[in-house]
Amino acid sequence: MRGWQLDLLKLGGLLVVSSIIVYGVIIISLWPMPDDDWEKLTVPTNLDRAKDLRNALRRFQDEHFLRLLVCFTALYLFMQSFAIPGTGIANVLGGALFGFPIAVALGITYCTIGAVIIYHLSYWYCQKAVEHYFPERLAKFRELIKQSDNLLLRLTSLRIFPFTPHWFVSIACGQLHAPMISFIPSSFAGQIPYTLMGCHAGTILKDMESMDDVMKPEILFFLTIAALVGFVLPILLKKYNPLSS
């Protein structure tokens, strides 16, 4: 068996074990829920499922808030840690269930923890697999990091940019042993805009028709400008700062 195949086997095994644990946590946490609402408990990978899930959980929340919080935490961290699509919808659901301030705090914290987990999974289990499947991407990212005078600002800019795959940033940082003193703050700061938008959408979830109601063109334009500033600013500081020469 080749090295990258062994990496995938280890990661797959870890995914299966984690899935069983999370499933058990969800079953135990939501045990008191009525049978009719159990049918609506699916992973919120789209807006319609999020609405159905929100209605069922709101009824459960009134009497079992802590149980619901444990369930939400387990599901969110599981999806974030294995880069499973749906955390954007989970932010919307969090806003609908817990309110804007609490949902934002939870979402940013869970995204940061998930990014750290992906970093270490990449470092411990995926080195050969990443090199096998993403050699060009990894080489470009390595060059980008080498050319950066401010790694914290560069990583933050990458995460704010609307079209950057956050999962790959975390994986690549794990491969390149990016220092945690830059990785963790950039992961935290880079998640703020998207978490704010998702949680805000959750407060109006019942009136939403699609995720386009959140990711409007003007918002994407603002995020793009913010990310570009992060790329250009270190260059300007280096060029015009007399202490840099």
C-alpha atoms as a PDB file:
ATOM      1  CA  MET A   1       0.000   0.000   0.000  1.00  0.00           C
ATOM      2  CA  ARG A   2       1.318   3.404  -0.983  1.00  0.00           C
ATOM      3  CA  GLY A   3       1.936   6.146   1.562  1.00  0.00           C
ATOM      4  CA  TRP A   4      -0.907   8.401   0.401  1.00  0.00           C
ATOM      5  CA  GLN A   5      -3.325   5.460   0.410  1.00  0.00           C
ATOM      6  CA  LEU A   6      -2.352   4.698   3.992  1.00  0.00           C
ATOM      7  CA  ASP A   7      -3.005   8.342   4.883  1.00  0.00           C
ATOM      8  CA  LEU A   8      -6.504   8.132   3.405  1.00  0.00           C
ATOM      9  CA  LEU A   9      -7.170   4.891   5.252  1.00  0.00           C
ATOM     10  CA  LYS A  10      -6.184   6.459   8.581  1.00  0.00           C
ATOM     11  CA  LEU A  11      -8.245   9.569   7.910  1.00  0.00           C
ATOM     12  CA  GLY A  12     -11.232   7.483   6.823  1.00  0.00           C
ATOM     13  CA  GLY A  13     -11.032   5.444   9.991  1.00  0.00           C
ATOM     14  CA  LEU A  14     -10.888   8.583  12.081  1.00  0.00           C
ATOM     15  CA  LEU A  15     -13.897   9.969  10.208  1.00  0.00           C
ATOM     16  CA  VAL A  16     -15.921   6.818  10.878  1.00  0.00           C
ATOM     17  CA  VAL A  17     -15.066   6.788  14.588  1.00  0.00           C
ATOM     18  CA  SER A  18     -15.843  10.512  14.900  1.00  0.00           C
ATOM     19  CA  SER A  19     -19.147  10.028  13.082  1.00  0.00           C
ATOM     20  CA  ILE A  20     -20.186   7.312  15.526  1.00  0.00           C
ATOM     21  CA  ILE A  21     -19.259   9.470  18.524  1.00  0.00           C
ATOM     22  CA  VAL A  22     -21.103  12.534  17.214  1.00  0.00           C
ATOM     23  CA  TYR A  23     -24.129  10.414  16.324  1.00  0.00           C
ATOM     24  CA  GLY A  24     -24.180   9.049  19.854  1.00  0.00           C
ATOM     25  CA  VAL A  25     -23.936  12.537  21.353  1.00  0.00           C
ATOM     26  CA  ILE A  26     -26.828  13.742  19.189  1.00  0.00           C
ATOM     27  CA  ILE A  27     -29.032  10.748  20.061  1.00  0.00           C
ATOM     28  CA  ILE A  28     -28.418  11.136  23.789  1.00  0.00           C
ATOM     29  CA  SER A  29     -28.831  14.925  23.734  1.00  0.00           C
ATOM     30  CA  LEU A  30     -32.088  14.888  21.752  1.00  0.00           C
ATOM     31  CA  TRP A  31     -33.591  11.783  23.365  1.00  0.00           C
ATOM     32  CA  PRO A  32     -36.603  13.644  24.859  1.00  0.00           C
ATOM     33  CA  MET A  33     -37.665  15.018  21.450  1.00  0.00           C
ATOM     34  CA  PRO A  34     -41.110  13.935  20.116  1.00  0.00           C
ATOM     35  CA  ASP A  35     -41.144  11.326  17.344  1.00  0.00           C
ATOM     36  CA  ASP A  36     -42.634  13.706  14.756  1.00  0.00           C
ATOM     37  CA  ASP A  37     -39.699  16.090  15.067  1.00  0.00           C
ATOM     38  CA  TRP A  38     -37.078  13.323  14.816  1.00  0.00           C
ATOM     39  CA  GLU A  39     -37.858  12.966  11.106  1.00  0.00           C
ATOM     40  CA  LYS A  40     -36.704  16.539  10.522  1.00  0.00           C
ATOM     41  CA  LEU A  41     -33.276  15.994  12.080  1.00  0.00           C
ATOM     42  CA  THR A  42     -30.985  15.998   9.053  1.00  0.00           C
ATOM     43  CA  VAL A  43     -27.648  17.673   8.427  1.00  0.00           C
ATOM     44  CA  PRO A  44     -28.507  21.277   7.344  1.00  0.00           C
ATOM     45  CA  THR A  45     -26.823  21.220   3.943  1.00  0.00           C
ATOM     46  CA  ASN A  46     -29.408  23.518   2.356  1.00  0.00           C
ATOM     47  CA  LEU A  47     -31.802  26.262   3.368  1.00  0.00           C
ATOM     48  CA  ASP A  48     -35.016  24.221   3.317  1.00  0.00           C
ATOM     49  CA  ARG A  49     -33.555  21.614   5.632  1.00  0.00           C
ATOM     50  CA  ALA A  50     -32.307  24.375   7.917  1.00  0.00           C
ATOM     51  CA  LYS A  51     -35.828  25.813   8.179  1.00  0.00           C
ATOM     52  CA  ASP A  52     -37.361  22.440   9.029  1.00  0.00           C
ATOM     53  CA  LEU A  53     -34.615  21.739  11.518  1.00  0.00           C
ATOM     54  CA  ARG A  54     -34.971  25.153  13.092  1.00  0.00           C
ATOM     55  CA  ASN A  55     -38.719  24.700  13.659  1.00  0.00           C
ATOM     56  CA  ALA A  56     -38.222  21.321  15.282  1.00  0.00           C
ATOM     57  CA  LEU A  57     -35.353  22.483  17.474  1.00  0.00           C
ATOM     58  CA  ARG A  58     -37.096  25.675  18.586  1.00  0.00           C
ATOM     59  CA  ARG A  59     -39.824  23.546  20.135  1.00  0.00           C
ATOM     60  CA  PHE A  60     -37.192  21.382  21.808  1.00  0.00           C
ATOM     61  CA  GLN A  61     -35.139  24.367  22.961  1.00  0.00           C
ATOM     62  CA  ASP A  62     -37.806  25.736  25.291  1.00  0.00           C
ATOM     63  CA  GLU A  63     -37.354  22.873  27.761  1.00  0.00           C
ATOM     64  CA  HIS A  64     -33.881  21.516  26.937  1.00  0.00           C
ATOM     65  CA  PHE A  65     -31.547  24.406  26.148  1.00  0.00           C
ATOM     66  CA  LEU A  66     -28.321  22.776  27.384  1.00  0.00           C
ATOM     67  CA  ARG A  67     -29.052  19.545  25.529  1.00  0.00           C
ATOM     68  CA  LEU A  68     -29.574  21.522  22.343  1.00  0.00           C
ATOM     69  CA  LEU A  69     -26.335  23.453  22.856  1.00  0.00           C
ATOM     70  CA  VAL A  70     -24.352  20.220  23.286  1.00  0.00           C
ATOM     71  CA  CYS A  71     -25.910  18.793  20.121  1.00  0.00           C
ATOM     72  CA  PHE A  72     -25.217  21.959  18.111  1.00  0.00           C
ATOM     73  CA  THR A  73     -21.615  22.065  19.327  1.00  0.00           C
ATOM     74  CA  ALA A  74     -20.926  18.440  18.418  1.00  0.00           C
ATOM     75  CA  LEU A  75     -22.452  18.734  14.946  1.00  0.00           C
ATOM     76  CA  TYR A  76     -20.761  22.050  14.147  1.00  0.00           C
ATOM     77  CA  LEU A  77     -17.304  20.919  15.243  1.00  0.00           C
ATOM     78  CA  PHE A  78     -17.679  17.653  13.351  1.00  0.00           C
ATOM     79  CA  MET A  79     -18.546  19.383  10.072  1.00  0.00           C
ATOM     80  CA  GLN A  80     -15.871  22.032  10.525  1.00  0.00           C
ATOM     81  CA  SER A  81     -13.135  19.605  11.549  1.00  0.00           C
ATOM     82  CA  PHE A  82     -13.606  17.395   8.477  1.00  0.00           C
ATOM     83  CA  ALA A  83     -14.436  20.238   6.055  1.00  0.00           C
ATOM     84  CA  ILE A  84     -17.955  18.878   5.499  1.00  0.00           C
ATOM     85  CA  PRO A  85     -20.177  21.414   3.664  1.00  0.00           C
ATOM     86  CA  GLY A  86     -22.878  22.903   5.838  1.00  0.00           C
ATOM     87  CA  THR A  87     -21.211  25.157   8.404  1.00  0.00           C
ATOM     88  CA  GLY A  88     -22.575  28.227   6.592  1.00  0.00           C
ATOM     89  CA  ILE A  89     -26.098  26.893   7.032  1.00  0.00           C
ATOM     90  CA  ALA A  90     -25.185  25.950  10.604  1.00  0.00           C
ATOM     91  CA  ASN A  91     -24.397  29.625  11.273  1.00  0.00           C
ATOM     92  CA  VAL A  92     -27.826  30.546   9.934  1.00  0.00           C
ATOM     93  CA  LEU A  93     -29.381  27.905  12.154  1.00  0.00           C
ATOM     94  CA  GLY A  94     -27.374  29.136  15.145  1.00  0.00           C
ATOM     95  CA  GLY A  95     -28.648  32.655  14.653  1.00  0.00           C
ATOM     96  CA  ALA A  96     -32.201  31.373  14.485  1.00  0.00           C
ATOM     97  CA  LEU A  97     -31.858  29.278  17.649  1.00  0.00           C
ATOM     98  CA  PHE A  98     -29.561  31.203  19.984  1.00  0.00           C
ATOM     99  CA  GLY A  99     -29.847  34.795  18.810  1.00  0.00           C
ATOM    100  CA  PHE A 100     -27.249  36.937  17.094  1.00  0.00           C
ATOM    101  CA  PRO A 101     -24.645  37.617  19.849  1.00  0.00           C
ATOM    102  CA  ILE A 102     -24.429  34.054  21.179  1.00  0.00           C
ATOM    103  CA  ALA A 103     -24.469  32.509  17.703  1.00  0.00           C
ATOM    104  CA  VAL A 104     -21.623  34.750  16.491  1.00  0.00           C
ATOM    105  CA  ALA A 105     -19.467  33.893  19.504  1.00  0.00           C
ATOM    106  CA  LEU A 106     -20.144  30.173  19.077  1.00  0.00           C
ATOM    107  CA  GLY A 107     -19.633  30.200  15.311  1.00  0.00           C
ATOM    108  CA  ILE A 108     -16.297  32.022  15.349  1.00  0.00           C
ATOM    109  CA  THR A 109     -15.017  29.888  18.218  1.00  0.00           C
ATOM    110  CA  TYR A 110     -16.067  26.615  16.594  1.00  0.00           C
ATOM    111  CA  CYS A 111     -14.637  27.627  13.203  1.00  0.00           C
ATOM    112  CA  THR A 112     -11.307  28.460  14.813  1.00  0.00           C
ATOM    113  CA  ILE A 113     -11.217  25.186  16.733  1.00  0.00           C
ATOM    114  CA  GLY A 114     -12.147  23.320  13.547  1.00  0.00           C
ATOM    115  CA  ALA A 115      -9.361  25.022  11.620  1.00  0.00           C
ATOM    116  CA  VAL A 116      -6.848  23.972  14.277  1.00  0.00           C
ATOM    117  CA  ILE A 117      -8.121  20.387  14.103  1.00  0.00           C
ATOM    118  CA  ILE A 118      -7.783  20.346  10.293  1.00  0.00           C
ATOM    119  CA  TYR A 119      -4.268  21.765  10.674  1.00  0.00           C
ATOM    120  CA  HIS A 120      -3.233  18.902  12.952  1.00  0.00           C
ATOM    121  CA  LEU A 121      -5.043  16.243  10.920  1.00  0.00           C
ATOM    122  CA  SER A 122      -3.119  17.463   7.888  1.00  0.00           C
ATOM    123  CA  TYR A 123       0.144  17.405   9.819  1.00  0.00           C
ATOM    124  CA  TRP A 124      -0.352  13.987  11.390  1.00  0.00           C
ATOM    125  CA  TYR A 125      -2.328  11.999   8.827  1.00  0.00           C
ATOM    126  CA  CYS A 126      -2.373  13.657   5.410  1.00  0.00           C
ATOM    127  CA  GLN A 127       1.130  14.710   4.416  1.00  0.00           C
ATOM    128  CA  LYS A 128       1.582  12.220   1.599  1.00  0.00           C
ATOM    129  CA  ALA A 129      -2.061  12.386   0.527  1.00  0.00           C
ATOM    130  CA  VAL A 130      -1.965  16.186   0.164  1.00  0.00           C
ATOM    131  CA  GLU A 131       1.276  16.012  -1.787  1.00  0.00           C
ATOM    132  CA  HIS A 132      -0.306  13.390  -4.055  1.00  0.00           C
ATOM    133  CA  TYR A 133      -3.594  15.198  -4.765  1.00  0.00           C
ATOM    134  CA  PHE A 134      -2.613  18.885  -4.515  1.00  0.00           C
ATOM    135  CA  PRO A 135       1.066  19.216  -5.498  1.00  0.00           C
ATOM    136  CA  GLU A 136       0.630  22.413  -7.554  1.00  0.00           C
ATOM    137  CA  ARG A 137      -1.672  24.103  -5.058  1.00  0.00           C
ATOM    138  CA  LEU A 138       0.681  23.275  -2.215  1.00  0.00           C
ATOM    139  CA  ALA A 139       3.694  24.582  -4.128  1.00  0.00           C
ATOM    140  CA  LYS A 140       1.907  27.873  -4.892  1.00  0.00           C
ATOM    141  CA  PHE A 141       0.848  28.234  -1.275  1.00  0.00           C
ATOM    142  CA  ARG A 142       4.387  27.538  -0.070  1.00  0.00           C
ATOM    143  CA  GLU A 143       5.741  30.250  -2.375  1.00  0.00           C
ATOM    144  CA  LEU A 144       3.046  32.649  -1.207  1.00  0.00           C
ATOM    145  CA  ILE A 145       3.989  32.091   2.411  1.00  0.00           C
ATOM    146  CA  LYS A 146       7.708  32.517   1.706  1.00  0.00           C
ATOM    147  CA  GLN A 147       7.093  35.863   0.014  1.00  0.00           C
ATOM    148  CA  SER A 148       4.991  37.173   2.892  1.00  0.00           C
ATOM    149  CA  ASP A 149       6.549  39.599   5.360  1.00  0.00           C
ATOM    150  CA  ASN A 150       3.464  39.495   7.581  1.00  0.00           C
ATOM    151  CA  LEU A 151       2.100  35.958   7.757  1.00  0.00           C
ATOM    152  CA  LEU A 152      -0.778  36.875  10.064  1.00  0.00           C
ATOM    153  CA  LEU A 153      -2.067  39.544   7.692  1.00  0.00           C
ATOM    154  CA  ARG A 154      -1.563  37.339   4.639  1.00  0.00           C
ATOM    155  CA  LEU A 155      -3.446  34.376   6.099  1.00  0.00           C
ATOM    156  CA  THR A 156      -6.237  36.623   7.316  1.00  0.00           C
ATOM    157  CA  SER A 157      -6.564  38.132   3.845  1.00  0.00           C
ATOM    158  CA  LEU A 158      -6.735  34.684   2.272  1.00  0.00           C
ATOM    159  CA  ARG A 159      -9.589  33.680   4.561  1.00  0.00           C
ATOM    160  CA  ILE A 160     -11.527  36.921   4.050  1.00  0.00           C
ATOM    161  CA  PHE A 161     -11.286  36.643   0.263  1.00  0.00           C
ATOM    162  CA  PRO A 162     -14.699  35.243  -0.801  1.00  0.00           C
ATOM    163  CA  PHE A 163     -13.428  32.529  -3.131  1.00  0.00           C
ATOM    164  CA  THR A 164     -10.644  31.036  -0.999  1.00  0.00           C
ATOM    165  CA  PRO A 165     -11.267  27.431   0.144  1.00  0.00           C
ATOM    166  CA  HIS A 166     -10.701  27.736   3.879  1.00  0.00           C
ATOM    167  CA  TRP A 167     -10.207  24.002   4.262  1.00  0.00           C
ATOM    168  CA  PHE A 168      -7.191  24.090   1.957  1.00  0.00           C
ATOM    169  CA  VAL A 169      -5.631  27.025   3.814  1.00  0.00           C
ATOM    170  CA  SER A 170      -5.815  25.002   7.029  1.00  0.00           C
ATOM    171  CA  ILE A 171      -4.485  21.861   5.337  1.00  0.00           C
ATOM    172  CA  ALA A 172      -1.628  23.710   3.645  1.00  0.00           C
ATOM    173  CA  CYS A 173      -0.668  25.481   6.874  1.00  0.00           C
ATOM    174  CA  GLY A 174      -0.473  22.106   8.578  1.00  0.00           C
ATOM    175  CA  GLN A 175       1.749  20.780   5.793  1.00  0.00           C
ATOM    176  CA  LEU A 176       4.062  23.798   5.979  1.00  0.00           C
ATOM    177  CA  HIS A 177       4.101  23.950   9.804  1.00  0.00           C
ATOM    178  CA  ALA A 178       2.798  27.522   9.873  1.00  0.00           C
ATOM    179  CA  PRO A 179       3.287  28.956  13.394  1.00  0.00           C
ATOM    180  CA  MET A 180       0.184  28.858  15.572  1.00  0.00           C
ATOM    181  CA  ILE A 181       0.828  32.431  16.702  1.00  0.00           C
ATOM    182  CA  SER A 182      -0.202  33.492  13.194  1.00  0.00           C
ATOM    183  CA  PHE A 183      -2.535  30.647  12.243  1.00  0.00           C
ATOM    184  CA  ILE A 184      -4.988  30.849  15.137  1.00  0.00           C
ATOM    185  CA  PRO A 185      -5.577  34.652  15.080  1.00  0.00           C
ATOM    186  CA  SER A 186      -5.916  34.618  11.281  1.00  0.00           C
ATOM    187  CA  SER A 187      -8.429  31.777  11.460  1.00  0.00           C
ATOM    188  CA  PHE A 188     -10.394  33.666  14.107  1.00  0.00           C
ATOM    189  CA  ALA A 189     -10.369  37.010  12.284  1.00  0.00           C
ATOM    190  CA  GLY A 190     -10.959  35.514   8.847  1.00  0.00           C
ATOM    191  CA  GLN A 191     -14.185  33.838   9.964  1.00  0.00           C
ATOM    192  CA  ILE A 192     -15.757  36.962  11.435  1.00  0.00           C
ATOM    193  CA  PRO A 193     -17.385  38.435   8.276  1.00  0.00           C
ATOM    194  CA  TYR A 194     -19.004  35.172   7.160  1.00  0.00           C
ATOM    195  CA  THR A 195     -20.137  34.243  10.657  1.00  0.00           C
ATOM    196  CA  LEU A 196     -21.704  37.671  11.133  1.00  0.00           C
ATOM    197  CA  MET A 197     -23.598  37.358   7.840  1.00  0.00           C
ATOM    198  CA  GLY A 198     -24.760  33.815   8.511  1.00  0.00           C
ATOM    199  CA  CYS A 199     -25.925  34.502  12.059  1.00  0.00           C
ATOM    200  CA  HIS A 200     -27.705  37.661  10.962  1.00  0.00           C
ATOM    201  CA  ALA A 201     -29.488  35.664   8.283  1.00  0.00           C
ATOM    202  CA  GLY A 202     -30.588  33.269  11.000  1.00  0.00           C
ATOM    203  CA  THR A 203     -32.577  36.015  12.669  1.00  0.00           C
ATOM    204  CA  ILE A 204     -34.623  36.321   9.463  1.00  0.00           C
ATOM    205  CA  LEU A 205     -34.476  32.637   8.467  1.00  0.00           C
ATOM    206  CA  LYS A 206     -38.218  32.209   8.097  1.00  0.00           C
ATOM    207  CA  ASP A 207     -38.289  34.977   5.463  1.00  0.00           C
ATOM    208  CA  MET A 208     -35.224  33.832   3.476  1.00  0.00           C
ATOM    209  CA  GLU A 209     -35.615  32.166   0.097  1.00  0.00           C
ATOM    210  CA  SER A 210     -31.951  31.368  -0.705  1.00  0.00           C
ATOM    211  CA  MET A 211     -28.403  31.990   0.518  1.00  0.00           C
ATOM    212  CA  ASP A 212     -28.222  34.735  -2.126  1.00  0.00           C
ATOM    213  CA  ASP A 213     -30.133  36.850   0.393  1.00  0.00           C
ATOM    214  CA  VAL A 214     -26.959  36.786   2.503  1.00  0.00           C
ATOM    215  CA  MET A 215     -24.131  36.775  -0.058  1.00  0.00           C
ATOM    216  CA  LYS A 216     -25.249  39.776  -2.071  1.00  0.00           C
ATOM    217  CA  PRO A 217     -22.939  41.198  -4.782  1.00  0.00           C
ATOM    218  CA  GLU A 218     -22.151  44.302  -2.759  1.00  0.00           C
ATOM    219  CA  ILE A 219     -21.081  42.171   0.209  1.00  0.00           C
ATOM    220  CA  LEU A 220     -18.846  40.019  -1.975  1.00  0.00           C
ATOM    221  CA  PHE A 221     -17.322  43.198  -3.416  1.00  0.00           C
ATOM    222  CA  PHE A 222     -16.578  44.548   0.072  1.00  0.00           C
ATOM    223  CA  LEU A 223     -14.954  41.279   1.166  1.00  0.00           C
ATOM    224  CA  THR A 224     -12.845  41.205  -2.001  1.00  0.00           C
ATOM    225  CA  ILE A 225     -11.611  44.754  -1.386  1.00  0.00           C
ATOM    226  CA  ALA A 226     -10.821  43.926   2.248  1.00  0.00           C
ATOM    227  CA  ALA A 227      -8.817  40.883   1.190  1.00  0.00           C
ATOM    228  CA  LEU A 228      -6.906  42.829  -1.471  1.00  0.00           C
ATOM    229  CA  VAL A 229      -5.992  45.474   1.087  1.00  0.00           C
ATOM    230  CA  GLY A 230      -4.478  42.712   3.197  1.00  0.00           C
ATOM    231  CA  PHE A 231      -2.301  41.648   0.263  1.00  0.00           C
ATOM    232  CA  VAL A 232      -1.242  45.132  -0.800  1.00  0.00           C
ATOM    233  CA  LEU A 233      -0.687  46.679   2.637  1.00  0.00           C
ATOM    234  CA  PRO A 234       2.433  44.636   3.557  1.00  0.00           C
ATOM    235  CA  ILE A 235       4.014  45.529   0.193  1.00  0.00           C
ATOM    236  CA  LEU A 236       3.395  49.236   0.717  1.00  0.00           C
ATOM    237  CA  LEU A 237       4.669  49.131   4.299  1.00  0.00           C
ATOM    238  CA  LYS A 238       7.857  47.403   3.215  1.00  0.00           C
ATOM    239  CA  LYS A 239       8.394  49.826   0.336  1.00  0.00           C
ATOM    240  CA  TYR A 240       7.845  53.062   2.223  1.00  0.00           C
ATOM    241  CA  ASN A 241       9.001  52.128   5.709  1.00  0.00           C
ATOM    242  CA  PRO A 242      12.546  53.512   6.147  1.00  0.00           C
ATOM    243  CA  LEU A 243      13.314  50.922   8.826  1.00  0.00           C
ATOM    244  CA  SER A 244      12.795  48.056   6.382  1.00  0.00           C
ATOM    245  CA  SER A 245      15.874  48.851   4.334  1.00  0.00           C
END
